[in-house]
């Protein structure tokens, strides 16, 4: 937005505030499932002219479904890991048929949320060193949490 030649005469700080205000308006309208008349009334109260209000409402209506899907995917609380499964994968050859003999681990985290919607499992592949690093960081986090709860 700051590189747009039509907006070069506008103070960048004002432009950023306008962008934040527009984004907030769009997010709140999506969150409240506001209809076009409610949005129009709100924008009229903000002293926007009719042409801009109509343009805003047209664009909002075009993207309303995608916005609601996006807002629904964010959720209200983080996922919780309920189970972990893993398996050892051993790569013998690569695409060029060269022998590699590289072991790696395929890790799958089963997750759930406080809402009732199902969530896909989180899967990743890592080397033994990466897995050891992850386990070490998890142990550090557990120790920190243990210390914090003892205070």
N, C-alpha and C. Protein backbone atom coordinates (compact mmCIF):
# COMPACT_ATOMS: atom_id res chain seq x y z
N UNK A 1 0.83 -1.19 0.00
CA UNK A 1 0.00 0.00 0.00
C UNK A 1 0.87 1.25 0.00
N UNK A 2 1.95 1.22 0.76
CA UNK A 2 2.80 2.42 0.86
C UNK A 2 3.50 2.73 -0.46
N UNK A 3 3.62 1.74 -1.34
CA UNK A 3 4.29 1.97 -2.63
C UNK A 3 3.32 2.40 -3.72
N UNK A 4 2.04 2.45 -3.45
CA UNK A 4 1.05 2.83 -4.45
C UNK A 4 1.24 4.31 -4.82
N UNK A 5 1.43 4.60 -6.11
CA UNK A 5 1.68 6.01 -6.51
C UNK A 5 0.50 6.93 -6.23
N UNK A 6 -0.74 6.40 -6.21
CA UNK A 6 -1.90 7.23 -5.92
C UNK A 6 -1.94 7.68 -4.46
N UNK A 7 -1.22 6.98 -3.60
CA UNK A 7 -1.25 7.29 -2.17
C UNK A 7 0.04 7.94 -1.67
N UNK A 8 0.91 8.33 -2.58
CA UNK A 8 2.21 8.87 -2.18
C UNK A 8 2.12 10.18 -1.42
N UNK A 9 1.03 10.96 -1.62
CA UNK A 9 0.89 12.25 -0.94
C UNK A 9 0.30 12.13 0.46
N UNK A 10 -0.10 10.94 0.84
CA UNK A 10 -0.71 10.73 2.16
C UNK A 10 0.37 10.32 3.15
N UNK A 11 0.31 10.89 4.33
CA UNK A 11 1.25 10.57 5.39
C UNK A 11 1.19 9.07 5.68
N UNK A 12 2.35 8.36 5.68
CA UNK A 12 2.35 6.91 5.91
C UNK A 12 1.70 6.49 7.23
N UNK A 13 1.82 7.31 8.25
CA UNK A 13 1.19 6.99 9.54
C UNK A 13 -0.32 7.00 9.41
N UNK A 14 -0.85 8.00 8.74
CA UNK A 14 -2.30 8.09 8.53
C UNK A 14 -2.77 6.91 7.69
N UNK A 15 -1.99 6.57 6.68
CA UNK A 15 -2.33 5.45 5.82
C UNK A 15 -2.38 4.13 6.61
N UNK A 16 -1.42 3.95 7.50
CA UNK A 16 -1.41 2.74 8.32
C UNK A 16 -2.61 2.71 9.26
N UNK A 17 -2.96 3.84 9.83
CA UNK A 17 -4.13 3.91 10.71
C UNK A 17 -5.41 3.60 9.94
N UNK A 18 -5.50 4.11 8.71
CA UNK A 18 -6.68 3.84 7.88
C UNK A 18 -6.77 2.36 7.54
N UNK A 19 -5.64 1.76 7.23
CA UNK A 19 -5.61 0.34 6.90
C UNK A 19 -6.03 -0.49 8.11
N UNK A 20 -5.52 -0.14 9.29
CA UNK A 20 -5.89 -0.86 10.51
C UNK A 20 -7.38 -0.70 10.81
N UNK A 21 -7.90 0.51 10.60
CA UNK A 21 -9.33 0.75 10.85
C UNK A 21 -10.19 -0.06 9.90
N UNK A 22 -9.81 -0.10 8.63
CA UNK A 22 -10.58 -0.87 7.64
C UNK A 22 -10.53 -2.36 7.96
N UNK A 23 -9.35 -2.86 8.32
CA UNK A 23 -9.21 -4.27 8.67
C UNK A 23 -10.06 -4.61 9.90
N UNK A 24 -10.05 -3.74 10.89
CA UNK A 24 -10.85 -3.95 12.10
C UNK A 24 -12.33 -3.97 11.77
N UNK A 25 -12.75 -3.04 10.92
CA UNK A 25 -14.16 -2.98 10.51
C UNK A 25 -14.57 -4.26 9.80
N UNK A 26 -13.74 -4.74 8.89
CA UNK A 26 -14.05 -5.96 8.15
C UNK A 26 -14.10 -7.16 9.09
N UNK A 27 -13.12 -7.28 9.98
CA UNK A 27 -13.09 -8.41 10.91
C UNK A 27 -14.28 -8.39 11.87
N UNK A 28 -14.62 -7.23 12.38
CA UNK A 28 -15.76 -7.14 13.29
C UNK A 28 -17.07 -7.45 12.57
N UNK A 29 -17.20 -6.97 11.35
CA UNK A 29 -18.41 -7.27 10.58
C UNK A 29 -18.53 -8.77 10.34
N UNK A 30 -17.41 -9.41 10.02
CA UNK A 30 -17.42 -10.86 9.82
C UNK A 30 -17.71 -11.61 11.09
N UNK A 31 -17.11 -11.15 12.18
CA UNK A 31 -17.30 -11.81 13.47
C UNK A 31 -18.75 -11.70 13.95
N UNK A 32 -19.36 -10.53 13.70
CA UNK A 32 -20.75 -10.29 14.13
C UNK A 32 -21.77 -10.78 13.12
N UNK A 33 -21.27 -11.29 11.96
CA UNK A 33 -22.15 -11.71 10.85
C UNK A 33 -23.10 -10.58 10.48
N UNK A 34 -22.55 -9.39 10.39
CA UNK A 34 -23.34 -8.20 10.10
C UNK A 34 -23.86 -8.22 8.66
N UNK A 35 -25.09 -7.72 8.48
CA UNK A 35 -25.62 -7.63 7.12
C UNK A 35 -25.23 -6.27 6.53
N UNK A 36 -25.52 -6.12 5.25
CA UNK A 36 -25.10 -4.91 4.53
C UNK A 36 -25.73 -3.65 5.11
N UNK A 37 -26.97 -3.72 5.57
CA UNK A 37 -27.61 -2.52 6.13
C UNK A 37 -26.91 -2.06 7.41
N UNK A 38 -26.49 -3.01 8.25
CA UNK A 38 -25.79 -2.64 9.48
C UNK A 38 -24.42 -2.04 9.17
N UNK A 39 -23.74 -2.61 8.18
CA UNK A 39 -22.43 -2.08 7.79
C UNK A 39 -22.60 -0.68 7.21
N UNK A 40 -23.60 -0.51 6.35
CA UNK A 40 -23.85 0.80 5.74
C UNK A 40 -24.15 1.86 6.79
N UNK A 41 -24.97 1.51 7.76
CA UNK A 41 -25.30 2.45 8.84
C UNK A 41 -24.05 2.85 9.62
N UNK A 42 -23.23 1.88 9.93
CA UNK A 42 -21.99 2.16 10.67
C UNK A 42 -21.08 3.08 9.88
N UNK A 43 -20.93 2.81 8.58
CA UNK A 43 -20.05 3.64 7.75
C UNK A 43 -20.62 5.03 7.52
N UNK A 44 -21.96 5.14 7.48
CA UNK A 44 -22.59 6.47 7.38
C UNK A 44 -22.32 7.28 8.63
N UNK A 45 -22.35 6.60 9.80
CA UNK A 45 -22.04 7.28 11.06
C UNK A 45 -20.59 7.78 11.07
N UNK A 46 -19.73 7.11 10.31
CA UNK A 46 -18.32 7.52 10.22
C UNK A 46 -18.11 8.58 9.14
N UNK A 47 -19.20 9.05 8.55
CA UNK A 47 -19.19 10.14 7.56
C UNK A 47 -18.56 9.76 6.22
N UNK A 48 -18.65 8.49 5.83
CA UNK A 48 -18.18 8.10 4.51
C UNK A 48 -19.27 8.44 3.49
N UNK A 49 -18.85 8.78 2.27
CA UNK A 49 -19.85 9.12 1.26
C UNK A 49 -20.50 7.85 0.71
N UNK A 50 -21.68 8.02 0.08
CA UNK A 50 -22.49 6.89 -0.39
C UNK A 50 -21.75 6.00 -1.37
N UNK A 51 -20.97 6.61 -2.27
CA UNK A 51 -20.25 5.84 -3.29
C UNK A 51 -19.23 4.89 -2.65
N UNK A 52 -18.48 5.38 -1.67
CA UNK A 52 -17.50 4.54 -0.99
C UNK A 52 -18.18 3.44 -0.17
N UNK A 53 -19.30 3.78 0.45
CA UNK A 53 -20.04 2.79 1.22
C UNK A 53 -20.53 1.67 0.31
N UNK A 54 -21.07 2.03 -0.84
CA UNK A 54 -21.55 1.02 -1.79
C UNK A 54 -20.39 0.15 -2.29
N UNK A 55 -19.26 0.77 -2.58
CA UNK A 55 -18.09 0.02 -3.05
C UNK A 55 -17.60 -0.93 -1.95
N UNK A 56 -17.52 -0.44 -0.72
CA UNK A 56 -17.09 -1.27 0.41
C UNK A 56 -18.04 -2.45 0.59
N UNK A 57 -19.34 -2.18 0.60
CA UNK A 57 -20.33 -3.24 0.82
C UNK A 57 -20.31 -4.27 -0.31
N UNK A 58 -20.11 -3.83 -1.54
CA UNK A 58 -20.02 -4.76 -2.67
C UNK A 58 -18.83 -5.68 -2.50
N UNK A 59 -17.67 -5.13 -2.17
CA UNK A 59 -16.46 -5.95 -1.97
C UNK A 59 -16.60 -6.87 -0.76
N UNK A 60 -17.21 -6.35 0.30
CA UNK A 60 -17.42 -7.16 1.50
C UNK A 60 -18.32 -8.35 1.17
N UNK A 61 -19.41 -8.08 0.44
CA UNK A 61 -20.36 -9.14 0.09
C UNK A 61 -19.70 -10.22 -0.78
N UNK A 62 -18.81 -9.80 -1.68
CA UNK A 62 -18.10 -10.75 -2.54
C UNK A 62 -17.21 -11.67 -1.73
N UNK A 63 -16.59 -11.16 -0.68
CA UNK A 63 -15.61 -11.91 0.10
C UNK A 63 -16.13 -12.40 1.45
N UNK A 64 -17.41 -12.22 1.71
CA UNK A 64 -17.98 -12.55 3.02
C UNK A 64 -17.82 -14.04 3.37
N UNK A 65 -18.12 -14.92 2.42
CA UNK A 65 -18.02 -16.36 2.71
C UNK A 65 -16.59 -16.77 3.04
N UNK A 66 -15.64 -16.28 2.25
CA UNK A 66 -14.23 -16.61 2.50
C UNK A 66 -13.78 -16.06 3.84
N UNK A 67 -14.24 -14.86 4.20
CA UNK A 67 -13.89 -14.26 5.49
C UNK A 67 -14.43 -15.09 6.64
N UNK A 68 -15.68 -15.54 6.53
CA UNK A 68 -16.27 -16.34 7.60
C UNK A 68 -15.55 -17.68 7.75
N UNK A 69 -15.14 -18.28 6.65
CA UNK A 69 -14.39 -19.53 6.71
C UNK A 69 -13.04 -19.29 7.40
N UNK A 70 -12.38 -18.21 7.03
CA UNK A 70 -11.09 -17.88 7.63
C UNK A 70 -11.24 -17.62 9.13
N UNK A 71 -12.22 -16.83 9.51
CA UNK A 71 -12.43 -16.55 10.93
C UNK A 71 -12.79 -17.82 11.69
N UNK A 72 -13.56 -18.71 11.07
CA UNK A 72 -13.92 -19.97 11.72
C UNK A 72 -12.75 -20.89 11.91
N UNK A 73 -11.76 -20.79 11.02
CA UNK A 73 -10.60 -21.68 11.13
C UNK A 73 -9.62 -21.24 12.21
N UNK A 74 -9.70 -19.99 12.62
CA UNK A 74 -8.77 -19.48 13.62
C UNK A 74 -9.07 -20.10 14.98
N UNK A 75 -10.32 -20.19 15.35
CA UNK A 75 -10.69 -20.80 16.63
C UNK A 75 -10.45 -19.86 17.80
N UNK A 76 -10.83 -20.33 18.97
CA UNK A 76 -10.74 -19.50 20.16
C UNK A 76 -9.65 -19.96 21.14
N UNK A 77 -9.19 -21.18 21.01
CA UNK A 77 -8.16 -21.66 21.92
C UNK A 77 -7.18 -22.53 21.14
N UNK A 78 -5.96 -22.64 21.62
CA UNK A 78 -4.96 -23.44 20.90
C UNK A 78 -5.27 -24.93 20.97
N UNK A 79 -4.71 -25.65 20.02
CA UNK A 79 -4.88 -27.09 19.99
C UNK A 79 -4.10 -27.74 21.12
N UNK A 80 -4.59 -28.88 21.60
CA UNK A 80 -3.92 -29.65 22.63
C UNK A 80 -3.46 -30.97 22.03
N UNK A 81 -2.23 -31.36 22.32
CA UNK A 81 -1.72 -32.64 21.84
C UNK A 81 -2.27 -33.73 22.76
N UNK A 82 -2.96 -34.71 22.18
CA UNK A 82 -3.53 -35.79 22.98
C UNK A 82 -2.75 -37.09 22.86
N UNK A 83 -2.01 -37.24 21.75
CA UNK A 83 -1.25 -38.47 21.57
C UNK A 83 -0.16 -38.21 20.54
N UNK A 84 0.87 -39.01 20.61
CA UNK A 84 1.98 -38.93 19.66
C UNK A 84 2.26 -40.33 19.15
N UNK A 85 2.43 -40.45 17.85
CA UNK A 85 2.87 -41.73 17.29
C UNK A 85 4.04 -41.43 16.36
N UNK A 86 4.88 -42.40 16.20
CA UNK A 86 6.05 -42.21 15.36
C UNK A 86 6.45 -43.52 14.71
N UNK A 87 7.21 -43.41 13.65
CA UNK A 87 7.79 -44.60 13.03
C UNK A 87 9.11 -44.22 12.40
N UNK A 88 9.97 -45.17 12.33
CA UNK A 88 11.30 -44.98 11.75
C UNK A 88 11.20 -45.23 10.25
N UNK A 89 11.69 -44.28 9.48
CA UNK A 89 11.72 -44.42 8.03
C UNK A 89 13.18 -44.49 7.62
N UNK A 90 13.48 -45.42 6.77
CA UNK A 90 14.88 -45.61 6.37
C UNK A 90 14.96 -45.45 4.86
N UNK A 91 15.59 -44.36 4.41
CA UNK A 91 15.73 -44.10 2.98
C UNK A 91 17.00 -44.79 2.49
N UNK A 92 16.84 -45.71 1.56
CA UNK A 92 17.98 -46.47 1.05
C UNK A 92 18.59 -45.80 -0.17
N UNK A 93 17.73 -45.30 -1.05
CA UNK A 93 18.22 -44.63 -2.27
C UNK A 93 17.46 -43.33 -2.47
N UNK A 94 18.11 -42.40 -3.16
CA UNK A 94 17.44 -41.15 -3.48
C UNK A 94 16.91 -41.20 -4.91
N UNK A 95 16.42 -40.08 -5.44
CA UNK A 95 15.83 -40.05 -6.78
C UNK A 95 16.83 -40.43 -7.87
N UNK A 96 18.10 -40.20 -7.64
CA UNK A 96 19.12 -40.52 -8.64
C UNK A 96 19.68 -41.93 -8.45
N UNK A 97 19.01 -42.72 -7.61
CA UNK A 97 19.39 -44.11 -7.32
C UNK A 97 20.74 -44.24 -6.65
N UNK A 98 21.20 -43.19 -5.99
CA UNK A 98 22.42 -43.27 -5.19
C UNK A 98 22.05 -43.81 -3.82
N UNK A 99 22.90 -44.61 -3.27
CA UNK A 99 22.64 -45.16 -1.94
C UNK A 99 22.86 -44.07 -0.90
N UNK A 100 21.89 -43.92 0.00
CA UNK A 100 22.00 -42.86 1.00
C UNK A 100 21.99 -43.40 2.43
N UNK A 101 21.19 -44.39 2.72
CA UNK A 101 21.07 -44.98 4.07
C UNK A 101 20.84 -43.91 5.13
N UNK A 102 19.78 -43.13 4.95
CA UNK A 102 19.48 -42.05 5.90
C UNK A 102 18.22 -42.39 6.70
N UNK A 103 18.35 -42.61 7.99
CA UNK A 103 17.15 -42.83 8.79
C UNK A 103 16.49 -41.49 9.14
N UNK A 104 15.17 -41.50 9.23
CA UNK A 104 14.44 -40.33 9.70
C UNK A 104 13.19 -40.83 10.44
N UNK A 105 12.59 -39.96 11.19
CA UNK A 105 11.41 -40.31 11.97
C UNK A 105 10.20 -39.58 11.41
N UNK A 106 9.11 -40.30 11.24
CA UNK A 106 7.84 -39.70 10.87
C UNK A 106 7.02 -39.60 12.16
N UNK A 107 6.73 -38.38 12.59
CA UNK A 107 6.03 -38.13 13.85
C UNK A 107 4.64 -37.58 13.54
N UNK A 108 3.64 -38.11 14.21
CA UNK A 108 2.27 -37.63 14.06
C UNK A 108 1.75 -37.22 15.43
N UNK A 109 1.28 -35.98 15.54
CA UNK A 109 0.69 -35.47 16.77
C UNK A 109 -0.82 -35.47 16.61
N UNK A 110 -1.52 -36.20 17.47
CA UNK A 110 -2.98 -36.16 17.47
C UNK A 110 -3.39 -34.97 18.32
N UNK A 111 -4.24 -34.11 17.76
CA UNK A 111 -4.61 -32.87 18.44
C UNK A 111 -6.12 -32.77 18.58
N UNK A 112 -6.54 -32.00 19.58
CA UNK A 112 -7.96 -31.69 19.76
C UNK A 112 -8.08 -30.28 20.30
N UNK A 113 -9.28 -29.76 20.21
CA UNK A 113 -9.56 -28.41 20.67
C UNK A 113 -10.78 -28.48 21.58
N UNK A 114 -11.06 -27.41 22.27
CA UNK A 114 -12.20 -27.40 23.18
C UNK A 114 -13.52 -27.39 22.40
N UNK A 115 -13.48 -26.95 21.14
CA UNK A 115 -14.71 -27.02 20.35
C UNK A 115 -14.89 -28.44 19.82
N UNK A 116 -16.02 -28.72 19.23
CA UNK A 116 -16.32 -30.09 18.82
C UNK A 116 -15.86 -30.41 17.40
N UNK A 117 -15.28 -29.46 16.70
CA UNK A 117 -14.86 -29.71 15.32
C UNK A 117 -13.63 -30.61 15.30
N UNK A 118 -13.58 -31.53 14.35
CA UNK A 118 -12.38 -32.37 14.22
C UNK A 118 -11.22 -31.57 13.62
N UNK A 119 -10.02 -31.89 14.03
CA UNK A 119 -8.83 -31.21 13.52
C UNK A 119 -7.90 -32.25 12.92
N UNK A 120 -7.27 -31.90 11.80
CA UNK A 120 -6.34 -32.87 11.22
C UNK A 120 -5.10 -33.03 12.10
N UNK A 121 -4.56 -34.23 12.08
CA UNK A 121 -3.34 -34.49 12.84
C UNK A 121 -2.19 -33.69 12.24
N UNK A 122 -1.22 -33.37 13.07
CA UNK A 122 -0.02 -32.65 12.63
C UNK A 122 1.08 -33.68 12.43
N UNK A 123 1.60 -33.75 11.21
CA UNK A 123 2.65 -34.73 10.91
C UNK A 123 3.88 -34.04 10.38
N UNK A 124 5.04 -34.58 10.73
CA UNK A 124 6.30 -34.04 10.21
C UNK A 124 7.36 -35.12 10.22
N UNK A 125 8.40 -34.88 9.45
CA UNK A 125 9.53 -35.80 9.37
C UNK A 125 10.75 -35.08 9.92
N UNK A 126 11.60 -35.81 10.63
CA UNK A 126 12.80 -35.19 11.18
C UNK A 126 13.91 -36.22 11.32
N UNK A 127 15.12 -35.71 11.41
CA UNK A 127 16.28 -36.58 11.63
C UNK A 127 16.38 -36.89 13.12
N UNK A 128 17.28 -37.78 13.48
CA UNK A 128 17.46 -38.13 14.89
C UNK A 128 17.91 -36.90 15.68
N UNK A 129 18.80 -36.09 15.12
CA UNK A 129 19.28 -34.89 15.82
C UNK A 129 18.14 -33.90 16.05
N UNK A 130 17.30 -33.72 15.04
CA UNK A 130 16.17 -32.81 15.19
C UNK A 130 15.19 -33.32 16.23
N UNK A 131 14.95 -34.62 16.25
CA UNK A 131 14.05 -35.21 17.23
C UNK A 131 14.62 -35.08 18.65
N UNK A 132 15.93 -35.30 18.80
CA UNK A 132 16.56 -35.13 20.11
C UNK A 132 16.46 -33.67 20.57
N UNK A 133 16.64 -32.74 19.64
CA UNK A 133 16.51 -31.32 19.96
C UNK A 133 15.09 -31.00 20.42
N UNK A 134 14.09 -31.54 19.72
CA UNK A 134 12.69 -31.33 20.09
C UNK A 134 12.41 -31.90 21.49
N UNK A 135 12.87 -33.10 21.75
CA UNK A 135 12.66 -33.72 23.06
C UNK A 135 13.33 -32.89 24.16
N UNK A 136 14.54 -32.41 23.90
CA UNK A 136 15.24 -31.57 24.88
C UNK A 136 14.48 -30.29 25.17
N UNK A 137 13.94 -29.66 24.13
CA UNK A 137 13.17 -28.42 24.33
C UNK A 137 11.87 -28.70 25.09
N UNK A 138 11.24 -29.83 24.81
CA UNK A 138 10.02 -30.18 25.54
C UNK A 138 10.32 -30.44 27.02
N UNK A 139 11.45 -31.09 27.30
CA UNK A 139 11.85 -31.32 28.69
C UNK A 139 12.12 -29.99 29.40
N UNK A 140 12.81 -29.06 28.71
CA UNK A 140 13.06 -27.73 29.29
C UNK A 140 11.74 -27.01 29.58
N UNK A 141 10.80 -27.10 28.66
CA UNK A 141 9.50 -26.45 28.86
C UNK A 141 8.78 -27.06 30.05
N UNK A 142 8.84 -28.40 30.17
CA UNK A 142 8.18 -29.07 31.30
C UNK A 142 8.81 -28.64 32.62
N UNK A 143 10.15 -28.53 32.65
CA UNK A 143 10.83 -28.10 33.88
C UNK A 143 10.45 -26.67 34.24
N UNK A 144 10.38 -25.80 33.24
CA UNK A 144 10.01 -24.40 33.49
C UNK A 144 8.59 -24.32 34.03
N UNK A 145 7.70 -25.10 33.46
CA UNK A 145 6.31 -25.10 33.94
C UNK A 145 6.22 -25.64 35.36
N UNK A 146 7.00 -26.67 35.64
CA UNK A 146 7.02 -27.24 36.98
C UNK A 146 7.51 -26.22 38.00
N UNK A 147 8.59 -25.48 37.63
CA UNK A 147 9.11 -24.45 38.54
C UNK A 147 8.11 -23.33 38.74
N UNK A 148 7.41 -22.96 37.68
CA UNK A 148 6.44 -21.87 37.76
C UNK A 148 5.27 -22.24 38.66
N UNK A 149 4.86 -23.51 38.64
CA UNK A 149 3.71 -23.91 39.46
C UNK A 149 4.09 -24.09 40.92
N UNK A 150 5.40 -24.24 41.22
CA UNK A 150 5.83 -24.40 42.60
C UNK A 150 5.94 -23.06 43.32
N UNK A 151 5.94 -21.99 42.61
CA UNK A 151 6.08 -20.65 43.23
C UNK A 151 4.81 -20.22 43.90
